Amino acid sequence: MVAYFSMEIGIDPDVPTYAGGLGVLAGDFVRAAADLGLPLVAVTLLHRKGYFRQRLDPRGGQREEPAEWNVEAHLDALPARATVTINGRPVVIRAWRRRVAGLGGAAVAVYFLDTDVEENTNDDRALSHFLYGGDAAYRLAQEAVLGIGGVRMLRALGYDHVHRFHLNEGHSALLVLELVSERLRAAGRATAGEDDIDAVRQMCVFTTHTPVPAAHDQFPPDLAERVIGAHPMSQLMHRCCYGGALNMTYLALNFSRYVNGVAMRHGEISRRMFGGYHIDAITNGVHAAGWVSEPFRALFDRHIPGWRADNFSLRYAVSIPTPEIWDAHVAAKLELLEFVNRHQSPPFDPAVLTIGFGRRASAYKRADLLVSDPARLRAIARAAGGLQVVYAGKAHPRDEEGKRIIERVLRAREALGTDVPIVYLEDYDMAMARMLTAGADVWLNTPHPPLEASGTSGMKAALNGVPSLSVLDGWWIEGHVEGVTGWAIGSDGRMPRAETTDNAAHAAALYDTLERTVAPLFYHNRDGFTTVMRYAIALNGSFFTAQRMLQEYVAKAYGAGAIRHPASAPEPPREVVTA
């Protein structure tokens, strides 16, 4: 049995317990586990007020509103309770459950931890309200609920035979302290020895998701002692702290038998960041059946029966006639533009090359790179026959630079006017992502290398025959075949993977590729463009899937003992099922 811990899990657009790529990836992980029939259980927080609803004013100013949702309509309440001491007070935790059904009838139970119960103080009741909200003390308290409380809740639910605890990012790293404490309580000892540490290490797997230093949580020791108390942390301080702070990444690294990054390049970067640790790589993937649009589902069902159960069979897309691929794409594009045109005047034209960009608005993702030279972009559009751009993405409420990027995009929209129509869709979520990744003609990705750990939006686009135009970073280093699966920004060899390349140089390379290669192919060689679409499916859509990703985790991280179905594992009842 594997217990998968993640601060956010994107199960359903109506269950806004995710912020972006990490949570959506976790949801795809759970769906793939259910499809494969793996004995896996997932643990996360409830986030009653979600991440936030994004509202944009005409100038691009972002306003955040609580993402209220009806918990009872989507989850089953459970009677089990667990208690964690936080800030010197006992905090009672209850769990809600959502069962995620797989293709073969197996299901994975996802448990959402909730502190909003009458026994708790008002402050403690709010601990499970906001995803990534509050100050450092609030964040650490949440991580105690997830890590320590999550282990205790699994025991309360009867999960006594968990062989592997999978830490999806460092947010849940405190669970290792609870596992050490369990051993001490069972043995009647107060002090942890090397045998205890080794035993816990053999149970844990850690996936790190980002090379951005600010994303690795760390807390001052005095705050940690105040929030979570002594626990066994005081004994294990040398294994918990780095640079004088409780560092959740180092805690996870020191207590995990297997550690991985989420792309081959990210594995390299992580080994540089964390010298002395063996860090492997398992490249992320997306849940194929969940991200393929309806027109392409019908197309695949006609030509590749069984593709849902065997994602690798999508390689046979090489035999699908290109006119049928184009027809399916047009249907997906019309669905996107129908949605866009509710927010856009004058309306977007289905005949015009449409660029899609849907990412979290943050400095390193550089959403504004495409519009950094409006005059150049305008000239390209006029010469090519037209360009139009669909943007979407939220900035973290405290990310001022991310918010300024949105504002710069909106200013460029005003400057470009009808020469290059731009729309910025507000409140990006999973449902919108499905439309955008399927309906764009080209998927744009412009991270500052090497800060893109993996990225999965381009994988979703590839499943729908949408080729990528991307900086060579993250997964695209593995998926890129120039002119075959898409195009690299800087593919002339001067700057791929260059970690010191400035924005102006990358913008110039982007404009060159768009002007000389992508737009002419789209407008003047439709069969050539649809051939690229076909290879995007056959080469990238077939490989960068959550099914392949899970198979790698089983082979590399979990081991045979972890994936046996224990007879004593509780079987969740079947009240709520989501495909």
Protein backbone atom coordinates (compact mmCIF):
# COMPACT_ATOMS: atom_id res chain seq x y z
CA MET A 1 0.00 0.00 0.00
CA VAL A 2 1.23 3.48 -0.94
CA ALA A 3 0.09 6.66 0.83
CA TYR A 4 0.47 9.71 -1.41
CA PHE A 5 0.64 13.06 0.42
CA SER A 6 0.20 16.36 -1.38
CA MET A 7 -0.74 19.83 -0.12
CA GLU A 8 -2.97 20.23 -3.18
CA ILE A 9 -4.80 17.73 -5.37
CA GLY A 10 -6.87 18.73 -8.39
CA ILE A 11 -9.68 16.21 -8.55
CA ASP A 12 -12.43 18.26 -10.16
CA PRO A 13 -12.88 21.89 -11.27
CA ASP A 14 -15.74 22.12 -8.77
CA VAL A 15 -13.41 21.07 -5.94
CA PRO A 16 -10.93 24.00 -5.96
CA THR A 17 -8.31 22.38 -3.73
CA TYR A 18 -5.45 23.09 -6.13
CA ALA A 19 -3.48 26.15 -7.21
CA GLY A 20 -1.85 25.01 -10.41
CA GLY A 21 0.56 22.51 -11.88
CA LEU A 22 1.50 20.69 -8.68
CA GLY A 23 -2.11 20.03 -7.73
CA VAL A 24 -3.28 19.16 -11.22
CA LEU A 25 -0.36 16.75 -11.57
CA ALA A 26 -1.35 15.18 -8.24
CA GLY A 27 -4.90 14.68 -9.53
CA ASP A 28 -3.58 13.01 -12.67
CA PHE A 29 -1.33 10.85 -10.49
CA VAL A 30 -4.35 9.64 -8.52
CA ARG A 31 -6.40 8.98 -11.67
CA ALA A 32 -3.59 6.98 -13.24
CA ALA A 33 -3.16 4.94 -10.05
CA ALA A 34 -6.86 4.11 -10.15
CA ASP A 35 -6.62 3.11 -13.82
CA LEU A 36 -3.71 0.77 -13.03
CA GLY A 37 -5.44 -0.65 -9.95
CA LEU A 38 -2.58 0.31 -7.64
CA PRO A 39 -3.20 -0.01 -3.90
CA LEU A 40 -2.81 3.69 -3.19
CA VAL A 41 -4.49 6.19 -0.90
CA ALA A 42 -4.07 9.98 -1.15
CA VAL A 43 -4.05 12.59 1.62
CA THR A 44 -4.46 16.35 1.25
CA LEU A 45 -6.10 19.33 2.97
CA LEU A 46 -9.67 20.44 2.43
CA HIS A 47 -9.13 24.16 1.62
CA ARG A 48 -12.73 25.22 2.21
CA LYS A 49 -12.08 28.61 0.63
CA GLY A 50 -9.90 27.15 -2.08
CA TYR A 51 -6.90 28.96 -3.54
CA PHE A 52 -8.75 32.03 -4.82
CA ARG A 53 -11.02 33.28 -7.57
CA GLN A 54 -9.16 35.66 -9.84
CA ARG A 55 -10.78 38.88 -10.99
CA LEU A 56 -9.02 41.27 -13.40
CA ASP A 57 -9.82 44.92 -13.91
CA PRO A 58 -9.49 46.47 -17.41
CA ARG A 59 -5.83 47.31 -16.77
CA GLY A 60 -4.97 43.81 -15.62
CA GLY A 61 -4.99 44.45 -11.90
CA GLN A 62 -5.65 41.18 -10.10
CA ARG A 63 -8.15 40.95 -7.24
CA GLU A 64 -8.50 37.77 -5.20
CA GLU A 65 -11.79 36.44 -3.86
CA PRO A 66 -12.40 33.32 -1.73
CA ALA A 67 -13.26 30.26 -3.81
CA GLU A 68 -16.20 29.06 -1.75
CA TRP A 69 -17.55 25.62 -2.65
CA ASN A 70 -20.09 23.13 -1.39
CA VAL A 71 -18.05 20.50 0.44
CA GLU A 72 -20.99 18.26 1.24
CA ALA A 73 -22.03 18.05 -2.41
CA HIS A 74 -18.68 16.65 -3.51
CA LEU A 75 -17.19 14.72 -0.59
CA ASP A 76 -18.29 12.15 1.99
CA ALA A 77 -17.90 13.09 5.65
CA LEU A 78 -16.25 10.39 7.77
CA PRO A 79 -16.61 9.84 11.52
CA ALA A 80 -12.89 9.24 12.17
CA ARG A 81 -10.98 11.86 14.15
CA ALA A 82 -7.29 12.55 14.78
CA THR A 83 -5.60 15.12 17.02
CA VAL A 84 -2.38 17.09 16.58
CA THR A 85 -0.85 19.54 19.06
CA ILE A 86 -0.29 22.89 17.34
CA ASN A 87 0.74 26.07 19.15
CA GLY A 88 0.38 24.13 22.40
CA ARG A 89 -3.30 23.33 21.74
CA PRO A 90 -4.90 20.06 20.67
CA VAL A 91 -6.31 20.50 17.16
CA VAL A 92 -8.99 18.02 16.13
CA ILE A 93 -8.95 16.85 12.51
CA ARG A 94 -11.71 15.13 10.62
CA ALA A 95 -11.59 13.67 7.12
CA TRP A 96 -13.74 13.83 4.02
CA ARG A 97 -13.41 11.30 1.21
CA ARG A 98 -13.63 11.32 -2.55
CA ARG A 99 -13.25 8.06 -4.45
CA VAL A 100 -11.61 8.36 -7.86
CA ALA A 101 -12.63 5.48 -10.10
CA GLY A 102 -10.31 3.95 -12.67
CA LEU A 103 -10.99 2.42 -16.05
CA GLY A 104 -11.13 -1.14 -14.74
CA GLY A 105 -13.39 -0.45 -11.76
CA ALA A 106 -10.67 -0.01 -9.16
CA ALA A 107 -10.72 3.20 -7.13
CA VAL A 108 -8.37 5.39 -5.12
CA ALA A 109 -9.66 7.09 -1.99
CA VAL A 110 -8.58 10.70 -1.53
CA TYR A 111 -8.86 11.98 2.06
CA PHE A 112 -9.27 15.71 2.64
CA LEU A 113 -8.22 16.81 6.15
CA ASP A 114 -10.42 19.44 7.81
CA THR A 115 -9.89 21.34 11.07
CA ASP A 116 -13.14 23.33 10.83
CA VAL A 117 -14.85 21.45 13.67
CA GLU A 118 -16.59 22.72 16.79
CA GLU A 119 -13.95 21.40 19.19
CA ASN A 120 -11.31 23.77 17.80
CA THR A 121 -10.71 27.46 18.38
CA ASN A 122 -11.63 29.89 15.61
CA ASP A 123 -8.00 30.23 14.60
CA ASP A 124 -7.54 26.48 14.43
CA ARG A 125 -10.77 25.99 12.51
CA ALA A 126 -9.36 28.24 9.79
CA LEU A 127 -6.19 26.17 9.32
CA SER A 128 -7.79 24.17 6.52
CA HIS A 129 -9.49 27.14 4.82
CA PHE A 130 -6.95 28.65 2.41
CA LEU A 131 -4.41 26.96 0.16
CA TYR A 132 -1.04 28.72 0.53
CA GLY A 133 -2.64 31.48 2.56
CA GLY A 134 -1.57 33.30 5.72
CA ASP A 135 1.88 33.83 7.17
CA ALA A 136 4.71 31.41 7.95
CA ALA A 137 3.07 30.26 11.20
CA TYR A 138 -0.17 29.47 9.34
CA ARG A 139 1.73 27.60 6.65
CA LEU A 140 3.70 25.52 9.15
CA ALA A 141 0.54 24.71 11.08
CA GLN A 142 -1.06 23.52 7.85
CA GLU A 143 1.96 21.34 7.14
CA ALA A 144 1.67 19.83 10.62
CA VAL A 145 -1.97 19.01 9.91
CA LEU A 146 -1.03 17.42 6.58
CA GLY A 147 2.08 15.52 7.64
CA ILE A 148 1.56 14.59 11.29
CA GLY A 149 -2.23 14.70 11.19
CA GLY A 150 -2.33 12.83 7.91
CA VAL A 151 -0.45 9.84 9.29
CA ARG A 152 -2.64 9.80 12.40
CA MET A 153 -5.79 10.02 10.30
CA LEU A 154 -4.71 7.10 8.13
CA ARG A 155 -4.21 5.03 11.27
CA ALA A 156 -7.63 6.09 12.54
CA LEU A 157 -9.12 4.96 9.22
CA GLY A 158 -7.48 1.56 9.52
CA TYR A 159 -4.52 1.94 7.18
CA ASP A 160 -2.02 0.03 9.31
CA HIS A 161 -0.06 -1.54 6.45
CA VAL A 162 1.31 1.37 4.45
CA HIS A 163 4.63 0.30 2.94
CA ARG A 164 5.51 3.55 1.22
CA PHE A 165 4.75 7.14 2.10
CA HIS A 166 5.14 9.31 -1.00
CA LEU A 167 5.87 12.97 -0.23
CA ASN A 168 4.77 15.04 -3.21
CA GLU A 169 6.94 18.10 -2.50
CA GLY A 170 8.23 19.01 0.96
CA HIS A 171 4.95 20.31 2.39
CA SER A 172 4.19 16.94 3.98
CA ALA A 173 7.72 16.25 5.27
CA LEU A 174 6.66 16.41 8.93
CA LEU A 175 5.08 13.00 8.42
CA VAL A 176 8.55 11.48 8.86
CA LEU A 177 8.65 12.83 12.43
CA GLU A 178 5.34 11.14 13.13
CA LEU A 179 6.65 7.86 11.71
CA VAL A 180 9.66 8.11 14.03
CA SER A 181 7.33 8.87 16.95
CA GLU A 182 5.21 5.83 16.12
CA ARG A 183 8.26 3.61 16.44
CA LEU A 184 9.26 5.21 19.73
CA ARG A 185 5.77 4.82 21.19
CA ALA A 186 5.59 1.18 20.08
CA ALA A 187 8.97 0.43 21.67
CA GLY A 188 8.35 2.51 24.79
CA ARG A 189 11.45 4.57 24.12
CA ALA A 190 12.05 8.31 24.25
CA THR A 191 15.12 8.54 22.03
CA ALA A 192 15.39 7.68 18.33
CA GLY A 193 18.32 5.59 17.20
CA GLU A 194 19.84 4.99 13.78
CA ASP A 195 17.70 1.88 13.38
CA ASP A 196 14.56 3.99 13.78
CA ILE A 197 15.79 6.52 11.25
CA ASP A 198 16.76 3.83 8.74
CA ALA A 199 13.40 2.10 9.14
CA VAL A 200 11.50 5.32 8.46
CA ARG A 201 13.77 6.13 5.54
CA GLN A 202 12.91 2.80 3.93
CA MET A 203 9.23 3.75 4.03
CA CYS A 204 9.49 7.16 2.35
CA VAL A 205 9.71 8.42 -1.21
CA PHE A 206 10.19 12.10 -2.03
CA THR A 207 9.44 13.99 -5.25
CA THR A 208 10.85 17.50 -5.52
CA HIS A 209 9.13 19.71 -8.06
CA THR A 210 11.02 22.96 -8.42
CA PRO A 211 14.49 24.46 -8.68
CA VAL A 212 13.16 27.84 -7.53
CA PRO A 213 14.72 28.39 -4.05
CA ALA A 214 11.75 30.32 -2.67
CA ALA A 215 9.51 27.32 -3.23
CA HIS A 216 11.41 25.17 -0.71
CA ASP A 217 9.71 25.82 2.62
CA GLN A 218 11.85 26.75 5.60
CA PHE A 219 10.96 28.04 9.03
CA PRO A 220 12.94 29.56 11.93
CA PRO A 221 13.60 26.99 14.68
CA ASP A 222 11.86 29.07 17.35
CA LEU A 223 8.73 29.24 15.18
CA ALA A 224 8.91 25.50 14.58
CA GLU A 225 9.20 24.80 18.32
CA ARG A 226 6.27 27.11 19.05
CA VAL A 227 4.00 25.69 16.35
CA ILE A 228 4.70 21.96 16.46
CA GLY A 229 6.38 21.59 19.86
CA ALA A 230 9.28 19.31 20.65
CA HIS A 231 7.93 16.18 18.92
CA PRO A 232 11.06 14.22 18.01
CA MET A 233 12.39 17.21 16.09
CA SER A 234 14.70 18.37 18.88
CA GLN A 235 16.49 15.01 18.75
CA LEU A 236 16.75 15.09 14.95
CA MET A 237 17.61 18.76 14.49
CA HIS A 238 20.72 17.98 12.44
CA ARG A 239 18.54 16.07 9.98
CA CYS A 240 15.75 18.67 9.87
CA CYS A 241 17.63 21.94 9.56
CA TYR A 242 19.79 23.61 6.97
CA GLY A 243 21.20 27.11 7.21
CA GLY A 244 19.79 27.50 10.72
CA ALA A 245 16.17 26.85 9.67
CA LEU A 246 13.78 23.93 9.64
CA ASN A 247 14.01 23.08 5.95
CA MET A 248 11.24 20.81 4.67
CA THR A 249 13.17 19.80 1.57
CA TYR A 250 16.21 18.67 3.56
CA LEU A 251 13.98 16.89 6.04
CA ALA A 252 12.42 14.94 3.15
CA LEU A 253 15.80 14.30 1.53
CA ASN A 254 17.29 12.91 4.74
CA PHE A 255 14.40 10.56 5.43
CA SER A 256 13.65 9.16 1.96
CA ARG A 257 14.94 5.96 0.39
CA TYR A 258 14.24 7.29 -3.10
CA VAL A 259 14.23 10.90 -4.32
CA ASN A 260 13.37 12.14 -7.78
CA GLY A 261 13.02 15.25 -9.84
CA VAL A 262 10.25 15.55 -12.41
CA ALA A 263 12.22 15.68 -15.68
CA MET A 264 15.65 14.51 -16.74
CA ARG A 265 16.98 18.07 -16.76
CA HIS A 266 15.37 18.79 -13.39
CA GLY A 267 17.11 15.74 -11.95
CA GLU A 268 20.44 17.23 -13.06
CA ILE A 269 19.61 20.63 -11.58
CA SER A 270 18.43 19.07 -8.30
CA ARG A 271 21.66 17.10 -7.92
CA ARG A 272 23.53 20.37 -8.29
CA MET A 273 21.28 22.12 -5.76
CA PHE A 274 21.44 19.34 -3.18
CA GLY A 275 24.95 17.95 -3.35
CA GLY A 276 25.55 14.62 -1.68
CA TYR A 277 22.07 13.22 -2.31
CA HIS A 278 21.22 10.67 -4.97
CA ILE A 279 18.35 12.22 -6.93
CA ASP A 280 16.84 10.30 -9.82
CA ALA A 281 14.35 11.61 -12.37
CA ILE A 282 10.87 10.51 -13.37
CA THR A 283 9.46 12.86 -15.97
CA ASN A 284 5.94 13.98 -15.27
CA GLY A 285 2.99 12.90 -17.37
CA VAL A 286 -0.68 13.75 -17.73
CA HIS A 287 -3.81 11.62 -17.54
CA ALA A 288 -4.54 10.97 -21.20
CA ALA A 289 -8.22 10.12 -20.93
CA GLY A 290 -8.84 13.23 -18.86
CA TRP A 291 -7.09 15.74 -21.12
CA VAL A 292 -8.01 14.52 -24.59
CA SER A 293 -10.83 16.68 -25.99
CA GLU A 294 -14.09 15.16 -27.18
CA PRO A 295 -13.27 15.49 -30.90
CA PHE A 296 -9.96 13.69 -30.43
CA ARG A 297 -11.52 11.06 -28.20
CA ALA A 298 -13.87 10.19 -31.04
CA LEU A 299 -10.96 10.19 -33.50
CA PHE A 300 -8.83 7.92 -31.31
CA ASP A 301 -11.75 5.60 -30.64
CA ARG A 302 -12.16 5.09 -34.40
CA HIS A 303 -8.51 4.50 -35.17
CA ILE A 304 -6.87 3.30 -31.92
CA PRO A 305 -9.38 1.31 -29.84
CA GLY A 306 -8.06 0.70 -26.35
CA TRP A 307 -5.93 3.86 -26.21
CA ARG A 308 -7.36 4.75 -22.79
CA ALA A 309 -6.06 1.55 -21.22
CA ASP A 310 -2.81 1.54 -23.21
CA ASN A 311 -1.64 5.11 -23.70
CA PHE A 312 1.46 3.94 -25.55
CA SER A 313 -0.81 2.80 -28.39
CA LEU A 314 -1.28 6.47 -29.28
CA ARG A 315 1.96 6.07 -31.23
CA TYR A 316 -0.25 4.56 -33.93
CA ALA A 317 -1.58 8.05 -34.53
CA VAL A 318 1.09 8.18 -37.25
CA SER A 319 -1.40 6.29 -39.44
CA ILE A 320 -4.37 8.64 -38.88
CA PRO A 321 -5.04 10.66 -42.05
CA THR A 322 -4.03 14.28 -41.54
CA PRO A 323 -7.40 15.66 -42.79
CA GLU A 324 -9.13 13.82 -39.94
CA ILE A 325 -6.65 15.26 -37.44
CA TRP A 326 -7.31 18.74 -38.79
CA ASP A 327 -11.09 18.27 -38.60
CA ALA A 328 -10.85 17.17 -34.96
CA HIS A 329 -8.64 20.15 -34.20
CA VAL A 330 -11.03 22.59 -35.84
CA ALA A 331 -13.86 21.25 -33.68
CA ALA A 332 -11.76 21.75 -30.52
CA LYS A 333 -10.68 25.20 -31.68
CA LEU A 334 -14.26 26.30 -32.34
CA GLU A 335 -15.22 25.26 -28.81
CA LEU A 336 -12.39 27.37 -27.38
CA LEU A 337 -13.17 30.40 -29.54
CA GLU A 338 -16.87 30.21 -28.70
CA PHE A 339 -15.84 30.56 -25.05
CA VAL A 340 -13.26 33.25 -25.81
CA ASN A 341 -15.67 35.34 -27.84
CA ARG A 342 -17.96 35.71 -24.85
CA HIS A 343 -15.16 37.80 -23.37
CA GLN A 344 -13.65 39.31 -26.53
CA SER A 345 -14.78 41.99 -28.94
CA PRO A 346 -14.21 41.98 -31.86
CA PRO A 347 -14.42 38.18 -31.92
CA PHE A 348 -11.49 35.90 -32.59
CA ASP A 349 -11.40 34.42 -36.09
CA PRO A 350 -11.14 30.60 -36.43
CA ALA A 351 -9.02 31.00 -39.55
CA VAL A 352 -6.28 32.95 -37.73
CA LEU A 353 -3.23 31.30 -36.13
CA THR A 354 -4.09 31.14 -32.43
CA ILE A 355 -1.35 30.96 -29.82
CA GLY A 356 -2.24 29.59 -26.38
CA PHE A 357 -0.46 30.38 -23.12
CA GLY A 358 -1.84 29.08 -19.84
CA ARG A 359 0.59 29.12 -16.91
CA ARG A 360 0.87 30.52 -13.42
CA ALA A 361 1.83 34.19 -13.73
CA SER A 362 5.32 34.33 -12.23
CA ALA A 363 8.54 36.03 -13.23
CA TYR A 364 10.40 32.97 -14.49
CA LYS A 365 7.54 31.81 -16.73
CA ARG A 366 7.74 35.13 -18.63
CA ALA A 367 4.19 35.35 -19.99
CA ASP A 368 5.02 38.80 -21.32
CA LEU A 369 7.94 37.66 -23.49
CA LEU A 370 5.72 37.33 -26.57
CA VAL A 371 4.48 40.92 -26.26
CA SER A 372 7.76 42.49 -25.17
CA ASP A 373 8.21 44.06 -28.63
CA PRO A 374 4.71 45.00 -29.85
CA ALA A 375 6.00 46.55 -33.08
CA ARG A 376 7.84 43.35 -34.05
CA LEU A 377 4.84 41.21 -33.18
CA ARG A 378 2.54 43.47 -35.19
CA ALA A 379 4.82 43.23 -38.22
CA ILE A 380 4.93 39.43 -38.00
CA ALA A 381 1.14 39.26 -37.81
CA ARG A 382 0.67 41.51 -40.83
CA ALA A 383 3.17 39.61 -42.94
CA ALA A 384 1.91 36.19 -41.94
CA GLY A 385 -1.82 36.73 -42.30
CA GLY A 386 -2.74 37.29 -38.68
CA LEU A 387 -2.05 36.23 -35.12
CA GLN A 388 -4.29 36.07 -32.06
CA VAL A 389 -3.32 35.09 -28.53
CA VAL A 390 -5.25 33.52 -25.65
CA TYR A 391 -3.67 34.00 -22.22
CA ALA A 392 -4.71 32.62 -18.84
CA GLY A 393 -3.06 32.24 -15.45
CA LYS A 394 -3.16 33.43 -11.86
CA ALA A 395 -0.46 35.24 -9.92
CA HIS A 396 0.03 34.22 -6.30
CA PRO A 397 -1.62 36.86 -4.08
CA ARG A 398 1.78 37.90 -2.70
CA ASP A 399 3.65 37.72 -6.01
CA GLU A 400 3.79 41.37 -7.03
CA GLU A 401 6.02 40.72 -10.03
CA GLY A 402 3.59 38.06 -11.26
CA LYS A 403 0.78 40.58 -11.03
CA ARG A 404 2.83 43.16 -12.94
CA ILE A 405 3.35 40.61 -15.73
CA ILE A 406 -0.43 40.32 -16.17
CA GLU A 407 -0.66 44.10 -16.29
CA ARG A 408 2.07 44.25 -18.95
CA VAL A 409 0.21 41.75 -21.10
CA LEU A 410 -2.96 43.81 -20.83
CA ARG A 411 -1.09 47.00 -21.72
CA ALA A 412 0.30 45.26 -24.79
CA ARG A 413 -3.22 44.19 -25.71
CA GLU A 414 -4.27 47.81 -25.75
CA ALA A 415 -1.23 48.81 -27.81
CA LEU A 416 -1.71 46.04 -30.36
CA GLY A 417 -5.47 46.49 -30.68
CA THR A 418 -6.97 44.59 -33.60
CA ASP A 419 -3.57 44.05 -35.25
CA VAL A 420 -2.88 41.20 -32.80
CA PRO A 421 -6.03 40.47 -30.77
CA ILE A 422 -5.21 39.31 -27.24
CA VAL A 423 -7.53 38.03 -24.54
CA TYR A 424 -6.55 37.27 -20.95
CA LEU A 425 -9.07 34.84 -19.50
CA GLU A 426 -9.55 35.29 -15.77
CA ASP A 427 -9.79 32.59 -13.12
CA TYR A 428 -7.87 29.87 -14.95
CA ASP A 429 -8.94 26.40 -13.80
CA MET A 430 -8.90 22.79 -14.99
CA ALA A 431 -11.98 23.16 -17.18
CA MET A 432 -10.52 26.19 -18.94
CA ALA A 433 -7.18 24.41 -19.30
CA ARG A 434 -8.88 21.53 -21.13
CA MET A 435 -10.34 23.94 -23.69
CA LEU A 436 -7.20 26.01 -24.09
CA THR A 437 -4.68 23.17 -24.48
CA ALA A 438 -6.95 21.49 -27.03
CA GLY A 439 -8.14 24.54 -28.96
CA ALA A 440 -4.96 26.54 -29.52
CA ASP A 441 -3.07 26.03 -32.78
CA VAL A 442 0.33 26.38 -31.09
CA TRP A 443 1.21 26.06 -27.41
CA LEU A 444 3.68 28.67 -26.19
CA ASN A 445 6.00 28.17 -23.23
CA THR A 446 8.70 30.69 -22.33
CA PRO A 447 10.33 29.78 -18.98
CA HIS A 448 13.71 31.17 -18.01
CA PRO A 449 15.98 28.12 -18.06
CA PRO A 450 16.73 26.17 -15.93
CA LEU A 451 13.77 27.10 -13.71
CA GLU A 452 11.12 24.99 -15.45
CA ALA A 453 11.23 21.76 -13.47
CA SER A 454 8.95 19.94 -15.89
CA GLY A 455 5.79 21.69 -17.06
CA THR A 456 2.80 19.62 -18.13
CA SER A 457 0.61 22.01 -20.13
CA GLY A 458 2.50 21.23 -23.32
CA MET A 459 1.94 17.52 -22.71
CA LYS A 460 -1.81 18.12 -22.56
CA ALA A 461 -1.61 20.10 -25.78
CA ALA A 462 0.34 17.32 -27.50
CA LEU A 463 -2.39 14.79 -26.69
CA ASN A 464 -4.70 17.01 -28.74
CA GLY A 465 -2.29 17.43 -31.63
CA VAL A 466 -1.21 20.93 -30.57
CA PRO A 467 2.55 21.37 -31.13
CA SER A 468 4.71 23.35 -28.72
CA LEU A 469 6.75 26.46 -29.40
CA SER A 470 8.93 26.46 -26.32
CA VAL A 471 12.21 27.32 -24.69
CA LEU A 472 14.30 24.19 -24.27
CA ASP A 473 13.76 23.50 -20.59
CA GLY A 474 11.85 21.01 -18.44
CA TRP A 475 10.08 18.20 -20.27
CA TRP A 476 10.48 19.89 -23.66
CA ILE A 477 14.16 18.94 -23.77
CA GLU A 478 12.95 15.33 -23.91
CA GLY A 479 9.89 15.89 -26.12
CA HIS A 480 11.41 18.27 -28.66
CA VAL A 481 12.19 17.08 -32.17
CA GLU A 482 12.64 20.23 -34.23
CA GLY A 483 9.99 20.62 -36.89
CA VAL A 484 8.55 17.22 -36.00
CA THR A 485 6.84 17.58 -32.58
CA GLY A 486 7.07 21.37 -32.50
CA TRP A 487 9.74 24.05 -32.38
CA ALA A 488 12.36 25.23 -29.91
CA ILE A 489 12.89 28.89 -29.21
CA GLY A 490 16.57 29.33 -30.05
CA SER A 491 16.77 26.13 -32.09
CA ASP A 492 19.66 27.55 -34.15
CA GLY A 493 21.99 26.29 -31.41
CA ARG A 494 22.93 29.66 -29.97
CA MET A 495 20.90 29.51 -26.81
CA PRO A 496 19.03 26.29 -25.99
CA ARG A 497 19.44 25.52 -22.29
CA ALA A 498 21.57 28.64 -21.82
CA GLU A 499 21.06 29.61 -18.22
CA THR A 500 22.31 33.18 -18.63
CA THR A 501 20.35 34.13 -21.75
CA ASP A 502 18.59 37.46 -21.29
CA ASN A 503 14.96 38.11 -22.07
CA ALA A 504 15.67 40.23 -25.15
CA ALA A 505 17.66 37.44 -26.80
CA HIS A 506 14.96 34.88 -26.12
CA ALA A 507 12.27 37.27 -27.39
CA ALA A 508 14.20 37.80 -30.60
CA ALA A 509 14.57 34.04 -31.05
CA LEU A 510 10.85 33.57 -30.39
CA TYR A 511 9.93 36.16 -33.01
CA ASP A 512 12.33 34.65 -35.54
CA THR A 513 10.88 31.15 -35.16
CA LEU A 514 7.31 32.41 -35.27
CA GLU A 515 7.96 34.55 -38.33
CA ARG A 516 10.17 32.24 -40.40
CA THR A 517 8.87 28.80 -39.51
CA VAL A 518 5.62 28.47 -37.57
CA ALA A 519 3.37 31.03 -39.26
CA PRO A 520 4.40 30.16 -42.85
CA LEU A 521 3.82 26.47 -42.16
CA PHE A 522 0.38 27.14 -40.68
CA TYR A 523 -0.79 29.42 -43.47
CA HIS A 524 0.93 27.96 -46.53
CA ASN A 525 1.48 24.26 -45.87
CA ARG A 526 -1.53 22.84 -44.08
CA ASP A 527 -0.50 19.24 -44.67
CA GLY A 528 2.95 19.99 -43.26
CA PHE A 529 1.42 21.61 -40.18
CA THR A 530 -0.98 18.71 -39.57
CA THR A 531 1.92 16.30 -39.97
CA VAL A 532 3.60 18.06 -37.04
CA MET A 533 0.32 17.75 -35.15
CA ARG A 534 0.23 14.04 -35.88
CA TYR A 535 3.76 13.50 -34.59
CA ALA A 536 3.00 15.58 -31.49
CA ILE A 537 0.39 12.95 -30.64
CA ALA A 538 2.35 9.88 -31.71
CA LEU A 539 5.67 10.76 -30.11
CA ASN A 540 4.79 13.02 -27.18
CA GLY A 541 1.13 12.29 -26.48
CA SER A 542 1.84 8.58 -26.26
CA PHE A 543 4.80 8.91 -23.89
CA PHE A 544 4.31 11.88 -21.56
CA THR A 545 1.38 10.31 -19.75
CA ALA A 546 0.58 9.69 -16.12
CA GLN A 547 0.24 6.01 -16.95
CA ARG A 548 3.90 5.79 -17.97
CA MET A 549 4.85 7.99 -15.01
CA LEU A 550 3.13 5.67 -12.51
CA GLN A 551 4.74 2.62 -14.06
CA GLU A 552 8.13 4.25 -13.47
CA TYR A 553 7.27 5.03 -9.84
CA VAL A 554 6.27 1.40 -9.31
CA ALA A 555 9.49 0.13 -10.88
CA LYS A 556 11.88 2.65 -9.32
CA ALA A 557 10.35 3.96 -6.11
CA TYR A 558 7.68 1.72 -4.64
CA GLY A 559 8.87 -1.85 -5.08
CA ALA A 560 6.86 -5.03 -5.14
CA GLY A 561 6.14 -5.04 -1.42
CA ALA A 562 4.43 -1.69 -1.61
CA ILE A 563 2.05 -2.59 -4.43
CA ARG A 564 0.67 -5.82 -3.03
CA HIS A 565 -2.95 -5.49 -1.99
CA PRO A 566 -3.01 -6.09 1.81
CA ALA A 567 -6.04 -8.05 2.89
CA SER A 568 -6.49 -5.81 5.92
CA ALA A 569 -6.62 -2.51 3.99
CA PRO A 570 -9.98 -0.82 4.49
CA GLU A 571 -12.23 -0.79 1.44
CA PRO A 572 -13.89 2.62 1.14
CA PRO A 573 -17.62 2.55 0.47
CA ARG A 574 -18.87 3.83 -2.89
CA GLU A 575 -20.91 6.95 -2.18
CA VAL A 576 -19.04 9.45 -4.39
CA VAL A 577 -17.24 8.42 -7.56
CA THR A 578 -15.54 10.60 -10.13
CA ALA A 579 -14.14 9.41 -13.41
